[in-house]
């Protein structure tokens, strides 16, 4: 996959622009044409740059800060590594605050959806992400929490490792994934420092973000 390939439309625009520019040497002999040459060349540079943006194939329109200064785009659901369809115990801890809820998760190559339930099975909120839209309706999480960050943690845990590696490397970070017969560990790093670590083993997914100081645990219910 050529992430920085010029499109046919871009090439067509460039060639058309070039045909309208007389010899650069001739034009610079006349000072009145200097501004016109500069503008034309600047337009060409913009055309080139716009075709080489650092977003991988499958990137959505939402972005999240992974560090205080570096961010990545969310990926589209089609980057899911298989399908998730399960009821889970969802626990979390941030500082002195902790919570425990049931969460039904359905995720495939078209949509990610969560439904939060209390111990009595009462709906406590939901999240839906399609790539084009992202909604969070829940009183469990503070209003200041952006749903993009919930989706980003889910992506880090369940999306294709290859797609995640491309996404992070394009944005000057690193993604590592190691697997054994019974365990998988994923890490997001910045200049060698681990920002987040995800451990998946025996139906339990643990997400630890060392920079922000929080931990989420998804424990899949037995059938």
N, C-alpha and C. Protein backbone atom coordinates (compact mmCIF):
# COMPACT_ATOMS: atom_id res chain seq x y z
N UNK A 1 0.85 -1.20 0.00
CA UNK A 1 0.00 0.00 0.00
C UNK A 1 0.87 1.24 0.00
N UNK A 2 0.67 2.12 -0.97
CA UNK A 2 1.44 3.36 -1.03
C UNK A 2 0.64 4.45 -0.32
N UNK A 3 1.02 4.77 0.89
CA UNK A 3 0.28 5.73 1.69
C UNK A 3 0.41 7.14 1.17
N UNK A 4 1.41 7.40 0.34
CA UNK A 4 1.67 8.77 -0.08
C UNK A 4 1.64 8.87 -1.60
N UNK A 5 0.85 8.03 -2.24
CA UNK A 5 0.79 8.03 -3.70
C UNK A 5 -0.06 9.19 -4.19
N UNK A 6 0.36 9.79 -5.31
CA UNK A 6 -0.43 10.85 -5.91
C UNK A 6 -1.62 10.26 -6.63
N UNK A 7 -2.79 10.90 -6.48
CA UNK A 7 -3.97 10.44 -7.18
C UNK A 7 -3.95 10.94 -8.60
N UNK A 8 -4.76 10.31 -9.46
CA UNK A 8 -4.85 10.74 -10.85
C UNK A 8 -5.37 12.17 -10.94
N UNK A 9 -6.31 12.51 -10.05
CA UNK A 9 -6.85 13.88 -10.07
C UNK A 9 -5.78 14.90 -9.75
N UNK A 10 -4.94 14.58 -8.75
CA UNK A 10 -3.87 15.50 -8.38
C UNK A 10 -2.89 15.68 -9.52
N UNK A 11 -2.52 14.58 -10.17
CA UNK A 11 -1.61 14.67 -11.29
C UNK A 11 -2.20 15.50 -12.43
N UNK A 12 -3.52 15.32 -12.65
CA UNK A 12 -4.17 16.07 -13.71
C UNK A 12 -4.13 17.56 -13.43
N UNK A 13 -4.41 17.92 -12.15
CA UNK A 13 -4.37 19.34 -11.76
C UNK A 13 -2.98 19.90 -11.94
N UNK A 14 -1.96 19.13 -11.53
CA UNK A 14 -0.59 19.59 -11.63
C UNK A 14 -0.18 19.83 -13.09
N UNK A 15 -0.54 18.86 -13.96
CA UNK A 15 -0.16 18.99 -15.36
C UNK A 15 -0.85 20.17 -16.01
N UNK A 16 -2.13 20.37 -15.62
CA UNK A 16 -2.85 21.51 -16.17
C UNK A 16 -2.24 22.82 -15.74
N UNK A 17 -1.81 22.88 -14.47
CA UNK A 17 -1.18 24.09 -13.96
C UNK A 17 0.15 24.35 -14.65
N UNK A 18 0.92 23.27 -14.85
CA UNK A 18 2.22 23.43 -15.50
C UNK A 18 2.09 23.97 -16.92
N UNK A 19 1.02 23.54 -17.61
CA UNK A 19 0.85 23.98 -18.99
C UNK A 19 0.55 25.47 -19.08
N UNK A 20 -0.02 26.02 -18.00
CA UNK A 20 -0.37 27.44 -18.02
C UNK A 20 0.79 28.33 -17.63
N UNK A 21 1.92 27.74 -17.17
CA UNK A 21 3.07 28.53 -16.74
C UNK A 21 4.10 28.57 -17.86
N UNK A 22 4.40 29.73 -18.43
CA UNK A 22 5.49 29.81 -19.42
C UNK A 22 6.81 29.49 -18.75
N UNK A 23 7.86 29.49 -19.53
CA UNK A 23 9.19 29.19 -19.00
C UNK A 23 9.47 30.04 -17.77
N UNK A 24 9.86 29.37 -16.67
CA UNK A 24 10.15 30.10 -15.43
C UNK A 24 11.29 31.09 -15.65
N UNK A 25 12.29 30.70 -16.44
CA UNK A 25 13.42 31.59 -16.70
C UNK A 25 12.96 32.86 -17.40
N UNK A 26 12.08 32.69 -18.40
CA UNK A 26 11.59 33.85 -19.14
C UNK A 26 10.78 34.76 -18.24
N UNK A 27 9.93 34.16 -17.37
CA UNK A 27 9.06 34.97 -16.53
C UNK A 27 9.86 35.76 -15.50
N UNK A 28 10.92 35.17 -14.97
CA UNK A 28 11.69 35.90 -13.97
C UNK A 28 12.54 37.02 -14.58
N UNK A 29 12.64 37.04 -15.92
CA UNK A 29 13.32 38.17 -16.55
C UNK A 29 12.46 39.43 -16.47
N UNK A 30 11.18 39.23 -16.23
CA UNK A 30 10.25 40.34 -16.09
C UNK A 30 9.77 40.37 -14.65
N UNK A 31 10.16 41.36 -13.85
CA UNK A 31 9.80 41.39 -12.42
C UNK A 31 8.31 41.35 -12.18
N UNK A 32 7.49 41.84 -13.14
CA UNK A 32 6.06 41.88 -12.91
C UNK A 32 5.46 40.47 -12.84
N UNK A 33 6.21 39.48 -13.35
CA UNK A 33 5.68 38.12 -13.35
C UNK A 33 6.14 37.31 -12.14
N UNK A 34 6.99 37.86 -11.28
CA UNK A 34 7.53 37.10 -10.16
C UNK A 34 6.42 36.61 -9.22
N UNK A 35 5.49 37.51 -8.92
CA UNK A 35 4.41 37.15 -7.99
C UNK A 35 3.56 36.02 -8.57
N UNK A 36 3.30 36.08 -9.87
CA UNK A 36 2.50 35.03 -10.50
C UNK A 36 3.18 33.69 -10.47
N UNK A 37 4.49 33.68 -10.71
CA UNK A 37 5.24 32.42 -10.66
C UNK A 37 5.22 31.85 -9.26
N UNK A 38 5.44 32.70 -8.27
CA UNK A 38 5.45 32.24 -6.88
C UNK A 38 4.12 31.60 -6.51
N UNK A 39 3.01 32.25 -6.87
CA UNK A 39 1.69 31.73 -6.52
C UNK A 39 1.44 30.38 -7.20
N UNK A 40 1.86 30.26 -8.46
CA UNK A 40 1.66 29.01 -9.18
C UNK A 40 2.45 27.88 -8.56
N UNK A 41 3.71 28.16 -8.21
CA UNK A 41 4.55 27.13 -7.59
C UNK A 41 4.02 26.76 -6.20
N UNK A 42 3.52 27.75 -5.48
CA UNK A 42 2.96 27.49 -4.15
C UNK A 42 1.74 26.58 -4.26
N UNK A 43 0.92 26.81 -5.29
CA UNK A 43 -0.26 25.96 -5.51
C UNK A 43 0.15 24.52 -5.79
N UNK A 44 1.23 24.35 -6.55
CA UNK A 44 1.72 23.01 -6.83
C UNK A 44 2.18 22.32 -5.55
N UNK A 45 2.87 23.05 -4.69
CA UNK A 45 3.35 22.48 -3.42
C UNK A 45 2.16 22.02 -2.56
N UNK A 46 1.10 22.84 -2.54
CA UNK A 46 -0.08 22.47 -1.77
C UNK A 46 -0.71 21.20 -2.32
N UNK A 47 -0.76 21.09 -3.63
CA UNK A 47 -1.34 19.89 -4.25
C UNK A 47 -0.54 18.65 -3.86
N UNK A 48 0.77 18.77 -3.88
CA UNK A 48 1.62 17.65 -3.49
C UNK A 48 1.42 17.30 -2.03
N UNK A 49 1.40 18.32 -1.16
CA UNK A 49 1.29 18.08 0.27
C UNK A 49 -0.05 17.45 0.63
N UNK A 50 -1.12 17.92 0.00
CA UNK A 50 -2.45 17.42 0.34
C UNK A 50 -2.61 15.95 0.00
N UNK A 51 -1.80 15.44 -0.92
CA UNK A 51 -1.89 14.03 -1.29
C UNK A 51 -1.01 13.16 -0.41
N UNK A 52 -0.27 13.74 0.55
CA UNK A 52 0.68 13.00 1.37
C UNK A 52 0.40 13.18 2.85
N UNK A 53 -0.86 13.36 3.25
CA UNK A 53 -1.17 13.56 4.66
C UNK A 53 -0.87 12.28 5.43
N UNK A 54 -0.49 12.43 6.70
CA UNK A 54 -0.07 11.28 7.50
C UNK A 54 -1.26 10.62 8.18
N UNK A 55 -2.21 10.13 7.37
CA UNK A 55 -3.33 9.38 7.90
C UNK A 55 -3.40 8.06 7.13
N UNK A 56 -3.51 6.94 7.83
CA UNK A 56 -3.53 5.64 7.15
C UNK A 56 -4.85 5.40 6.45
N UNK A 57 -4.84 4.48 5.52
CA UNK A 57 -6.09 4.06 4.90
C UNK A 57 -6.99 3.51 5.98
N UNK A 58 -8.23 3.96 6.03
CA UNK A 58 -9.15 3.50 7.06
C UNK A 58 -9.24 4.44 8.24
N UNK A 59 -8.65 5.63 8.15
CA UNK A 59 -8.72 6.59 9.26
C UNK A 59 -10.05 7.34 9.23
N UNK A 60 -10.62 7.57 10.39
CA UNK A 60 -11.87 8.30 10.52
C UNK A 60 -11.59 9.78 10.77
N UNK A 61 -12.65 10.55 11.02
CA UNK A 61 -12.50 12.00 11.16
C UNK A 61 -12.24 12.44 12.59
N UNK A 62 -12.21 11.50 13.54
CA UNK A 62 -12.00 11.83 14.94
C UNK A 62 -10.55 11.57 15.34
N UNK A 63 -10.02 12.40 16.22
CA UNK A 63 -8.65 12.23 16.69
C UNK A 63 -8.59 12.26 18.21
N UNK A 64 -7.54 11.65 18.77
CA UNK A 64 -7.33 11.66 20.22
C UNK A 64 -5.87 11.95 20.51
N UNK A 65 -5.62 12.64 21.62
CA UNK A 65 -4.25 12.86 22.08
C UNK A 65 -3.79 11.63 22.85
N UNK A 66 -2.71 11.02 22.38
CA UNK A 66 -2.12 9.87 23.06
C UNK A 66 -1.13 10.35 24.12
N UNK A 67 -0.37 11.39 23.80
CA UNK A 67 0.47 12.09 24.77
C UNK A 67 -0.08 13.51 24.88
N UNK A 68 0.62 14.37 25.59
CA UNK A 68 0.16 15.75 25.72
C UNK A 68 0.31 16.54 24.43
N UNK A 69 1.13 16.03 23.51
CA UNK A 69 1.40 16.77 22.27
C UNK A 69 1.16 15.97 20.99
N UNK A 70 1.03 14.66 21.08
CA UNK A 70 0.88 13.83 19.89
C UNK A 70 -0.50 13.17 19.85
N UNK A 71 -1.10 13.19 18.68
CA UNK A 71 -2.42 12.58 18.54
C UNK A 71 -2.47 11.68 17.32
N UNK A 72 -3.49 10.81 17.31
CA UNK A 72 -3.72 9.90 16.19
C UNK A 72 -5.19 9.95 15.81
N UNK A 73 -5.51 9.65 14.55
CA UNK A 73 -6.92 9.53 14.17
C UNK A 73 -7.47 8.19 14.62
N UNK A 74 -8.76 8.16 14.96
CA UNK A 74 -9.41 6.88 15.16
C UNK A 74 -9.47 6.15 13.82
N UNK A 75 -9.45 4.84 13.86
CA UNK A 75 -9.58 4.03 12.66
C UNK A 75 -11.04 3.63 12.46
N UNK A 76 -11.38 3.27 11.25
CA UNK A 76 -12.74 2.86 10.94
C UNK A 76 -13.01 1.46 11.48
N UNK A 77 -14.27 1.15 11.74
CA UNK A 77 -14.59 -0.19 12.26
C UNK A 77 -14.12 -1.34 11.37
N UNK A 78 -13.90 -1.08 10.10
CA UNK A 78 -13.45 -2.16 9.22
C UNK A 78 -12.04 -2.65 9.59
N UNK A 79 -11.38 -1.95 10.49
CA UNK A 79 -10.07 -2.41 10.97
C UNK A 79 -10.19 -3.36 12.16
N UNK A 80 -11.43 -3.70 12.54
CA UNK A 80 -11.63 -4.67 13.63
C UNK A 80 -10.96 -5.99 13.30
N UNK A 81 -10.39 -6.62 14.31
CA UNK A 81 -9.78 -7.93 14.16
C UNK A 81 -10.84 -8.98 14.55
N UNK A 82 -11.73 -9.27 13.61
CA UNK A 82 -12.82 -10.20 13.89
C UNK A 82 -14.05 -9.48 14.42
N UNK A 83 -14.87 -10.20 15.18
CA UNK A 83 -16.12 -9.67 15.74
C UNK A 83 -16.15 -9.93 17.24
N UNK A 84 -16.63 -8.94 17.99
CA UNK A 84 -16.83 -9.10 19.43
C UNK A 84 -18.33 -9.03 19.70
N UNK A 85 -18.86 -10.02 20.39
CA UNK A 85 -20.29 -10.06 20.72
C UNK A 85 -20.41 -10.73 22.08
N UNK A 86 -20.36 -9.92 23.15
CA UNK A 86 -20.28 -10.52 24.48
C UNK A 86 -20.78 -9.59 25.57
N UNK A 87 -21.22 -10.20 26.66
CA UNK A 87 -21.55 -9.48 27.89
C UNK A 87 -20.33 -9.54 28.79
N UNK A 88 -19.98 -8.37 29.39
CA UNK A 88 -18.76 -8.28 30.19
C UNK A 88 -19.02 -7.58 31.51
N UNK A 89 -18.20 -7.90 32.51
CA UNK A 89 -18.10 -7.08 33.70
C UNK A 89 -17.06 -6.01 33.38
N UNK A 90 -17.49 -4.76 33.46
CA UNK A 90 -16.62 -3.62 33.11
C UNK A 90 -16.28 -2.88 34.39
N UNK A 91 -15.01 -2.94 34.80
CA UNK A 91 -14.58 -2.24 36.01
C UNK A 91 -13.49 -1.23 35.63
N UNK A 92 -13.39 -0.19 36.43
CA UNK A 92 -12.40 0.83 36.14
C UNK A 92 -11.95 1.54 37.39
N UNK A 93 -10.74 2.12 37.31
CA UNK A 93 -10.20 2.88 38.44
C UNK A 93 -9.39 4.04 37.92
N UNK A 94 -9.66 5.21 38.47
CA UNK A 94 -8.91 6.41 38.14
C UNK A 94 -8.67 7.17 39.44
N UNK A 95 -7.42 7.15 39.92
CA UNK A 95 -7.14 7.77 41.21
C UNK A 95 -7.89 7.05 42.31
N UNK A 96 -8.69 7.79 43.09
CA UNK A 96 -9.48 7.21 44.17
C UNK A 96 -10.88 6.81 43.71
N UNK A 97 -11.19 7.01 42.44
CA UNK A 97 -12.52 6.71 41.91
C UNK A 97 -12.52 5.36 41.22
N UNK A 98 -13.54 4.56 41.51
CA UNK A 98 -13.67 3.26 40.86
C UNK A 98 -15.13 2.98 40.54
N UNK A 99 -15.38 2.08 39.61
CA UNK A 99 -16.75 1.73 39.25
C UNK A 99 -16.79 0.29 38.76
N UNK A 100 -17.99 -0.27 38.74
CA UNK A 100 -18.20 -1.62 38.21
C UNK A 100 -19.58 -1.68 37.59
N UNK A 101 -19.65 -2.09 36.34
CA UNK A 101 -20.90 -2.18 35.59
C UNK A 101 -20.85 -3.40 34.69
N UNK A 102 -22.02 -3.81 34.23
CA UNK A 102 -22.07 -4.77 33.15
C UNK A 102 -22.05 -4.00 31.84
N UNK A 103 -21.41 -4.55 30.83
CA UNK A 103 -21.39 -3.89 29.53
C UNK A 103 -21.52 -4.92 28.42
N UNK A 104 -22.55 -4.72 27.61
CA UNK A 104 -22.71 -5.56 26.44
C UNK A 104 -21.97 -4.89 25.28
N UNK A 105 -21.08 -5.64 24.64
CA UNK A 105 -20.26 -5.11 23.54
C UNK A 105 -20.59 -5.85 22.26
N UNK A 106 -20.89 -5.07 21.21
CA UNK A 106 -20.98 -5.66 19.87
C UNK A 106 -20.12 -4.81 18.95
N UNK A 107 -19.20 -5.45 18.26
CA UNK A 107 -18.32 -4.72 17.35
C UNK A 107 -18.00 -5.61 16.15
N UNK A 108 -18.19 -5.05 14.96
CA UNK A 108 -17.81 -5.74 13.74
C UNK A 108 -17.18 -4.73 12.79
N UNK A 109 -17.15 -5.05 11.50
CA UNK A 109 -16.48 -4.15 10.56
C UNK A 109 -17.33 -2.97 10.13
N UNK A 110 -18.52 -2.81 10.75
CA UNK A 110 -19.40 -1.68 10.41
C UNK A 110 -19.66 -0.74 11.58
N UNK A 111 -19.63 -1.26 12.80
CA UNK A 111 -20.00 -0.43 13.96
C UNK A 111 -19.44 -1.02 15.24
N UNK A 112 -19.14 -0.12 16.18
CA UNK A 112 -18.83 -0.49 17.56
C UNK A 112 -19.96 0.03 18.43
N UNK A 113 -20.53 -0.81 19.27
CA UNK A 113 -21.60 -0.35 20.16
C UNK A 113 -21.44 -0.97 21.54
N UNK A 114 -21.64 -0.14 22.57
CA UNK A 114 -21.61 -0.57 23.96
C UNK A 114 -22.97 -0.23 24.59
N UNK A 115 -23.46 -1.10 25.45
CA UNK A 115 -24.63 -0.82 26.27
C UNK A 115 -24.24 -1.10 27.72
N UNK A 116 -24.34 -0.07 28.58
CA UNK A 116 -23.99 -0.20 29.99
C UNK A 116 -25.22 -0.58 30.80
N UNK A 117 -25.05 -1.54 31.73
CA UNK A 117 -26.16 -2.05 32.53
C UNK A 117 -25.75 -2.09 34.00
N UNK A 118 -26.69 -1.78 34.91
CA UNK A 118 -26.37 -1.93 36.33
C UNK A 118 -26.60 -3.37 36.77
N UNK A 119 -26.46 -3.63 38.06
CA UNK A 119 -26.55 -5.01 38.54
C UNK A 119 -27.94 -5.61 38.37
N UNK A 120 -28.95 -4.75 38.14
CA UNK A 120 -30.31 -5.23 37.91
C UNK A 120 -30.65 -5.34 36.43
N UNK A 121 -29.67 -5.06 35.57
CA UNK A 121 -29.91 -5.15 34.14
C UNK A 121 -30.56 -3.92 33.54
N UNK A 122 -30.58 -2.81 34.31
CA UNK A 122 -31.20 -1.58 33.82
C UNK A 122 -30.20 -0.82 32.96
N UNK A 123 -30.66 -0.32 31.83
CA UNK A 123 -29.82 0.42 30.88
C UNK A 123 -29.27 1.69 31.55
N UNK A 124 -27.95 1.82 31.55
CA UNK A 124 -27.29 2.98 32.15
C UNK A 124 -26.61 3.87 31.11
N UNK A 125 -26.81 3.54 29.84
CA UNK A 125 -26.21 4.37 28.80
C UNK A 125 -25.67 3.54 27.65
N UNK A 126 -25.27 4.24 26.60
CA UNK A 126 -24.79 3.53 25.41
C UNK A 126 -23.79 4.39 24.65
N UNK A 127 -23.00 3.71 23.84
CA UNK A 127 -22.05 4.37 22.94
C UNK A 127 -22.14 3.69 21.58
N UNK A 128 -22.07 4.51 20.52
CA UNK A 128 -22.10 3.97 19.16
C UNK A 128 -21.08 4.71 18.31
N UNK A 129 -20.32 3.94 17.52
CA UNK A 129 -19.29 4.52 16.65
C UNK A 129 -19.30 3.80 15.31
N UNK A 130 -19.43 4.58 14.23
CA UNK A 130 -19.44 4.00 12.89
C UNK A 130 -18.28 4.50 12.03
N UNK A 131 -17.52 5.44 12.51
CA UNK A 131 -16.51 6.10 11.70
C UNK A 131 -16.98 7.46 11.24
N UNK A 132 -18.24 7.53 10.77
CA UNK A 132 -18.84 8.80 10.38
C UNK A 132 -19.55 9.48 11.54
N UNK A 133 -19.97 8.69 12.53
CA UNK A 133 -20.68 9.26 13.68
C UNK A 133 -20.19 8.61 14.96
N UNK A 134 -20.30 9.37 16.05
CA UNK A 134 -19.87 8.91 17.37
C UNK A 134 -20.76 9.54 18.42
N UNK A 135 -21.48 8.70 19.18
CA UNK A 135 -22.40 9.22 20.20
C UNK A 135 -22.20 8.48 21.51
N UNK A 136 -22.31 9.21 22.61
CA UNK A 136 -22.24 8.65 23.95
C UNK A 136 -23.39 9.24 24.75
N UNK A 137 -24.23 8.37 25.30
CA UNK A 137 -25.38 8.81 26.10
C UNK A 137 -25.36 8.04 27.41
N UNK A 138 -24.74 8.63 28.44
CA UNK A 138 -24.62 7.94 29.71
C UNK A 138 -24.36 8.92 30.83
N UNK A 139 -25.02 8.67 31.97
CA UNK A 139 -24.77 9.48 33.16
C UNK A 139 -23.63 8.90 33.99
N UNK A 140 -23.13 7.74 33.60
CA UNK A 140 -22.06 7.09 34.35
C UNK A 140 -20.75 7.86 34.22
N UNK A 141 -20.47 8.32 33.00
CA UNK A 141 -19.23 9.04 32.75
C UNK A 141 -19.45 10.55 32.86
N UNK A 142 -18.45 11.30 33.32
CA UNK A 142 -18.58 12.75 33.40
C UNK A 142 -18.77 13.36 32.01
N UNK A 143 -19.47 14.48 31.95
CA UNK A 143 -19.74 15.12 30.66
C UNK A 143 -18.46 15.59 29.98
N UNK A 144 -17.42 15.81 30.77
CA UNK A 144 -16.15 16.26 30.20
C UNK A 144 -15.41 15.16 29.45
N UNK A 145 -15.81 13.89 29.66
CA UNK A 145 -15.14 12.78 29.01
C UNK A 145 -15.56 12.70 27.55
N UNK A 146 -14.59 12.76 26.65
CA UNK A 146 -14.89 12.65 25.23
C UNK A 146 -14.97 11.18 24.83
N UNK A 147 -16.05 10.80 24.13
CA UNK A 147 -16.21 9.38 23.76
C UNK A 147 -15.10 8.86 22.85
N UNK A 148 -14.40 9.77 22.15
CA UNK A 148 -13.29 9.34 21.30
C UNK A 148 -12.26 8.53 22.08
N UNK A 149 -12.07 8.89 23.36
CA UNK A 149 -11.03 8.23 24.14
C UNK A 149 -11.46 6.82 24.57
N UNK A 150 -12.75 6.62 24.76
CA UNK A 150 -13.24 5.27 25.06
C UNK A 150 -13.05 4.38 23.84
N UNK A 151 -13.40 4.92 22.66
CA UNK A 151 -13.23 4.17 21.41
C UNK A 151 -11.75 3.87 21.16
N UNK A 152 -10.88 4.84 21.42
CA UNK A 152 -9.45 4.64 21.19
C UNK A 152 -8.91 3.48 22.02
N UNK A 153 -9.32 3.38 23.29
CA UNK A 153 -8.85 2.27 24.12
C UNK A 153 -9.37 0.94 23.60
N UNK A 154 -10.63 0.93 23.14
CA UNK A 154 -11.19 -0.29 22.57
C UNK A 154 -10.42 -0.69 21.30
N UNK A 155 -10.13 0.28 20.46
CA UNK A 155 -9.36 0.02 19.25
C UNK A 155 -8.00 -0.59 19.59
N UNK A 156 -7.33 0.00 20.55
CA UNK A 156 -6.00 -0.49 20.93
C UNK A 156 -6.05 -1.96 21.36
N UNK A 157 -7.18 -2.36 21.92
CA UNK A 157 -7.31 -3.72 22.43
C UNK A 157 -7.79 -4.71 21.37
N UNK A 158 -8.65 -4.26 20.44
CA UNK A 158 -9.34 -5.23 19.59
C UNK A 158 -9.19 -5.01 18.08
N UNK A 159 -8.55 -3.93 17.67
CA UNK A 159 -8.35 -3.72 16.23
C UNK A 159 -7.14 -4.51 15.74
N UNK A 160 -7.04 -4.62 14.41
CA UNK A 160 -5.91 -5.30 13.79
C UNK A 160 -4.60 -4.67 14.25
N UNK A 161 -3.67 -5.51 14.71
CA UNK A 161 -2.37 -5.01 15.17
C UNK A 161 -1.61 -4.32 14.04
N UNK A 162 -1.75 -4.84 12.82
CA UNK A 162 -1.05 -4.22 11.68
C UNK A 162 -1.57 -2.81 11.41
N UNK A 163 -2.91 -2.64 11.46
CA UNK A 163 -3.49 -1.31 11.22
C UNK A 163 -3.08 -0.33 12.31
N UNK A 164 -3.05 -0.79 13.55
CA UNK A 164 -2.65 0.08 14.66
C UNK A 164 -1.18 0.48 14.55
N UNK A 165 -0.34 -0.47 14.15
CA UNK A 165 1.09 -0.16 14.01
C UNK A 165 1.32 0.93 12.97
N UNK A 166 0.65 0.83 11.83
CA UNK A 166 0.77 1.85 10.79
C UNK A 166 0.30 3.21 11.32
N UNK A 167 -0.84 3.21 12.01
CA UNK A 167 -1.41 4.45 12.51
C UNK A 167 -0.46 5.16 13.47
N UNK A 168 0.11 4.41 14.40
CA UNK A 168 1.00 5.03 15.39
C UNK A 168 2.33 5.44 14.78
N UNK A 169 2.87 4.62 13.91
CA UNK A 169 4.16 4.97 13.32
C UNK A 169 4.06 6.21 12.42
N UNK A 170 2.93 6.37 11.74
CA UNK A 170 2.73 7.57 10.93
C UNK A 170 2.72 8.83 11.79
N UNK A 171 2.35 8.67 13.06
CA UNK A 171 2.25 9.82 13.95
C UNK A 171 3.34 9.82 15.03
N UNK A 172 4.51 9.25 14.66
CA UNK A 172 5.74 9.35 15.44
C UNK A 172 5.66 8.68 16.81
N UNK A 173 4.92 7.57 16.86
CA UNK A 173 4.87 6.73 18.06
C UNK A 173 5.04 5.28 17.64
N UNK A 174 5.03 4.38 18.61
CA UNK A 174 5.27 2.99 18.31
C UNK A 174 4.14 2.13 18.89
N UNK A 175 3.87 1.02 18.19
CA UNK A 175 2.89 0.04 18.66
C UNK A 175 3.54 -1.33 18.60
N UNK A 176 3.46 -2.07 19.71
CA UNK A 176 4.03 -3.41 19.77
C UNK A 176 2.95 -4.42 20.15
N UNK A 177 3.06 -5.61 19.60
CA UNK A 177 2.11 -6.68 19.93
C UNK A 177 2.88 -7.99 20.02
N UNK A 178 2.78 -8.64 21.18
CA UNK A 178 3.41 -9.95 21.36
C UNK A 178 2.35 -10.96 21.78
N UNK A 179 2.45 -12.17 21.21
CA UNK A 179 1.45 -13.20 21.49
C UNK A 179 2.13 -14.50 21.90
N UNK A 180 1.48 -15.19 22.83
CA UNK A 180 1.84 -16.56 23.15
C UNK A 180 0.58 -17.40 22.94
N UNK A 181 0.64 -18.66 23.30
CA UNK A 181 -0.51 -19.54 23.11
C UNK A 181 -1.72 -19.10 23.93
N UNK A 182 -1.47 -18.44 25.06
CA UNK A 182 -2.58 -18.11 25.96
C UNK A 182 -2.69 -16.62 26.31
N UNK A 183 -1.79 -15.79 25.77
CA UNK A 183 -1.74 -14.40 26.23
C UNK A 183 -1.32 -13.48 25.09
N UNK A 184 -1.88 -12.28 25.10
CA UNK A 184 -1.48 -11.26 24.13
C UNK A 184 -1.23 -9.94 24.87
N UNK A 185 -0.11 -9.31 24.57
CA UNK A 185 0.22 -8.02 25.20
C UNK A 185 0.43 -6.99 24.09
N UNK A 186 -0.24 -5.87 24.21
CA UNK A 186 -0.09 -4.76 23.26
C UNK A 186 0.41 -3.53 24.02
N UNK A 187 1.31 -2.80 23.38
CA UNK A 187 1.85 -1.60 24.02
C UNK A 187 1.89 -0.45 23.03
N UNK A 188 1.56 0.75 23.54
CA UNK A 188 1.75 2.00 22.78
C UNK A 188 2.88 2.75 23.45
N UNK A 189 3.89 3.13 22.66
CA UNK A 189 5.07 3.78 23.22
C UNK A 189 5.34 5.11 22.52
N UNK A 190 5.95 6.00 23.27
CA UNK A 190 6.42 7.27 22.74
C UNK A 190 7.89 7.43 23.10
N UNK A 191 8.75 7.39 22.09
CA UNK A 191 10.19 7.47 22.31
C UNK A 191 10.68 6.44 23.32
N UNK A 192 10.13 5.23 23.23
CA UNK A 192 10.56 4.14 24.09
C UNK A 192 9.85 4.05 25.43
N UNK A 193 9.05 5.05 25.78
CA UNK A 193 8.31 5.04 27.05
C UNK A 193 6.92 4.48 26.82
N UNK A 194 6.52 3.48 27.64
CA UNK A 194 5.21 2.87 27.48
C UNK A 194 4.13 3.83 27.98
N UNK A 195 3.21 4.17 27.08
CA UNK A 195 2.08 5.04 27.43
C UNK A 195 0.89 4.21 27.90
N UNK A 196 0.64 3.12 27.18
CA UNK A 196 -0.51 2.27 27.51
C UNK A 196 -0.15 0.81 27.24
N UNK A 197 -0.66 -0.07 28.08
CA UNK A 197 -0.44 -1.50 27.91
C UNK A 197 -1.77 -2.24 28.02
N UNK A 198 -2.01 -3.14 27.08
CA UNK A 198 -3.23 -3.94 27.06
C UNK A 198 -2.84 -5.40 27.17
N UNK A 199 -3.42 -6.10 28.13
CA UNK A 199 -3.17 -7.53 28.31
C UNK A 199 -4.47 -8.28 28.09
N UNK A 200 -4.44 -9.30 27.22
CA UNK A 200 -5.62 -10.11 26.93
C UNK A 200 -5.30 -11.57 27.24
N UNK A 201 -6.07 -12.14 28.19
CA UNK A 201 -5.80 -13.51 28.61
C UNK A 201 -7.04 -14.13 29.23
N UNK A 202 -7.43 -15.30 28.75
CA UNK A 202 -8.54 -16.06 29.31
C UNK A 202 -9.83 -15.24 29.44
N UNK A 203 -10.14 -14.46 28.42
CA UNK A 203 -11.39 -13.70 28.42
C UNK A 203 -11.34 -12.42 29.23
N UNK A 204 -10.16 -12.06 29.73
CA UNK A 204 -10.01 -10.82 30.51
C UNK A 204 -9.10 -9.86 29.74
N UNK A 205 -9.59 -8.66 29.50
CA UNK A 205 -8.81 -7.62 28.82
C UNK A 205 -8.56 -6.49 29.80
N UNK A 206 -7.28 -6.23 30.09
CA UNK A 206 -6.89 -5.18 31.03
C UNK A 206 -6.18 -4.07 30.27
N UNK A 207 -6.68 -2.84 30.43
CA UNK A 207 -6.11 -1.67 29.76
C UNK A 207 -5.54 -0.75 30.83
N UNK A 208 -4.24 -0.54 30.81
CA UNK A 208 -3.58 0.35 31.77
C UNK A 208 -2.94 1.52 31.02
N UNK A 209 -3.38 2.71 31.37
CA UNK A 209 -2.79 3.90 30.78
C UNK A 209 -1.91 4.55 31.85
N UNK A 210 -0.59 4.45 31.65
CA UNK A 210 0.35 4.93 32.65
C UNK A 210 0.47 6.44 32.66
N UNK A 211 0.26 7.06 31.51
CA UNK A 211 0.37 8.52 31.44
C UNK A 211 -0.81 9.19 32.14
N UNK A 212 -2.02 8.70 31.91
CA UNK A 212 -3.23 9.30 32.50
C UNK A 212 -3.58 8.72 33.86
N UNK A 213 -3.03 7.55 34.18
CA UNK A 213 -3.24 6.97 35.50
C UNK A 213 -4.56 6.27 35.70
N UNK A 214 -5.07 5.58 34.67
CA UNK A 214 -6.32 4.85 34.83
C UNK A 214 -6.17 3.41 34.35
N UNK A 215 -7.10 2.56 34.82
CA UNK A 215 -7.13 1.15 34.44
C UNK A 215 -8.57 0.75 34.16
N UNK A 216 -8.80 0.07 33.03
CA UNK A 216 -10.08 -0.54 32.71
C UNK A 216 -9.88 -2.05 32.61
N UNK A 217 -10.87 -2.80 33.07
CA UNK A 217 -10.84 -4.26 32.93
C UNK A 217 -12.17 -4.75 32.37
N UNK A 218 -12.11 -5.49 31.29
CA UNK A 218 -13.28 -6.15 30.70
C UNK A 218 -13.15 -7.65 30.94
N UNK A 219 -14.09 -8.21 31.69
CA UNK A 219 -14.09 -9.64 31.97
C UNK A 219 -15.30 -10.26 31.30
N UNK A 220 -15.05 -11.08 30.30
CA UNK A 220 -16.14 -11.65 29.53
C UNK A 220 -16.93 -12.67 30.37
N UNK A 221 -18.25 -12.54 30.32
CA UNK A 221 -19.11 -13.47 31.06
C UNK A 221 -19.06 -14.85 30.42
N UNK A 222 -19.15 -15.87 31.25
CA UNK A 222 -19.16 -17.23 30.73
C UNK A 222 -20.49 -17.52 30.08
N UNK A 223 -20.45 -18.29 28.98
CA UNK A 223 -21.68 -18.66 28.27
C UNK A 223 -22.53 -19.58 29.11
